[in-house]
C-alpha atoms as a PDB file:
ATOM      1  CA  UNK A   1     -88.465 -38.821 131.013  1.00  0.00           C
ATOM      2  CA  UNK A   2     -86.942 -38.563 127.553  1.00  0.00           C
ATOM      3  CA  UNK A   3     -86.461 -35.212 125.829  1.00  0.00           C
ATOM      4  CA  UNK A   4     -85.691 -34.806 122.131  1.00  0.00           C
ATOM      5  CA  UNK A   5     -84.278 -31.424 121.117  1.00  0.00           C
ATOM      6  CA  UNK A   6     -84.593 -30.819 117.341  1.00  0.00           C
ATOM      7  CA  UNK A   7     -82.792 -28.279 115.159  1.00  0.00           C
ATOM      8  CA  UNK A   8     -82.959 -28.221 111.363  1.00  0.00           C
ATOM      9  CA  UNK A   9     -80.557 -25.394 110.559  1.00  0.00           C
ATOM     10  CA  UNK A  10     -76.817 -25.634 110.003  1.00  0.00           C
ATOM     11  CA  UNK A  11     -75.786 -22.139 111.103  1.00  0.00           C
ATOM     12  CA  UNK A  12     -75.750 -20.850 114.701  1.00  0.00           C
ATOM     13  CA  UNK A  13     -78.875 -18.947 115.717  1.00  0.00           C
ATOM     14  CA  UNK A  14     -80.593 -17.901 118.915  1.00  0.00           C
ATOM     15  CA  UNK A  15     -82.803 -20.982 119.096  1.00  0.00           C
ATOM     16  CA  UNK A  16     -79.779 -23.274 119.010  1.00  0.00           C
ATOM     17  CA  UNK A  17     -78.165 -21.256 121.769  1.00  0.00           C
ATOM     18  CA  UNK A  18     -81.308 -21.601 123.897  1.00  0.00           C
ATOM     19  CA  UNK A  19     -81.451 -25.335 123.154  1.00  0.00           C
ATOM     20  CA  UNK A  20     -77.859 -25.850 124.256  1.00  0.00           C
ATOM     21  CA  UNK A  21     -78.452 -23.776 127.396  1.00  0.00           C
ATOM     22  CA  UNK A  22     -81.556 -25.828 128.261  1.00  0.00           C
ATOM     23  CA  UNK A  23     -79.641 -29.056 127.639  1.00  0.00           C
ATOM     24  CA  UNK A  24     -76.842 -27.892 129.950  1.00  0.00           C
ATOM     25  CA  UNK A  25     -79.219 -26.812 132.720  1.00  0.00           C
ATOM     26  CA  UNK A  26     -81.080 -30.138 132.657  1.00  0.00           C
ATOM     27  CA  UNK A  27     -77.958 -32.312 132.317  1.00  0.00           C
ATOM     28  CA  UNK A  28     -77.460 -32.858 136.098  1.00  0.00           C
ATOM     29  CA  UNK A  29     -80.951 -34.393 136.392  1.00  0.00           C
ATOM     30  CA  UNK A  30     -80.127 -38.068 136.009  1.00  0.00           C
ATOM     31  CA  UNK A  31     -83.804 -39.053 135.652  1.00  0.00           C
ATOM     32  CA  UNK A  32     -83.888 -37.235 132.265  1.00  0.00           C
ATOM     33  CA  UNK A  33     -82.534 -38.676 129.037  1.00  0.00           C
ATOM     34  CA  UNK A  34     -81.819 -35.917 126.529  1.00  0.00           C
ATOM     35  CA  UNK A  35     -81.084 -36.259 122.838  1.00  0.00           C
ATOM     36  CA  UNK A  36     -80.181 -33.575 120.324  1.00  0.00           C
ATOM     37  CA  UNK A  37     -81.143 -34.142 116.689  1.00  0.00           C
ATOM     38  CA  UNK A  38     -79.431 -31.798 114.236  1.00  0.00           C
ATOM     39  CA  UNK A  39     -77.912 -31.839 110.738  1.00  0.00           C
ATOM     40  CA  UNK A  40     -74.430 -33.267 110.144  1.00  0.00           C
ATOM     41  CA  UNK A  41     -71.741 -30.595 110.044  1.00  0.00           C
ATOM     42  CA  UNK A  42     -74.001 -28.005 111.676  1.00  0.00           C
ATOM     43  CA  UNK A  43     -72.518 -25.520 114.118  1.00  0.00           C
ATOM     44  CA  UNK A  44     -74.594 -27.099 116.903  1.00  0.00           C
ATOM     45  CA  UNK A  45     -73.140 -30.540 116.187  1.00  0.00           C
ATOM     46  CA  UNK A  46     -69.610 -29.113 116.321  1.00  0.00           C
ATOM     47  CA  UNK A  47     -70.324 -27.404 119.656  1.00  0.00           C
ATOM     48  CA  UNK A  48     -71.648 -30.679 121.124  1.00  0.00           C
ATOM     49  CA  UNK A  49     -68.334 -32.495 120.530  1.00  0.00           C
END
């Protein structure tokens, strides 16, 4: 299964925190392919790298 997580804001908010938590929880499931789509230079992008 493929999952696309989408965020359109550049600051850090509760929804981004929940998205990152969900991503982390599902990461060990190798049958899932997860992608995060967010703006360049957003706080979420910086936390992902």
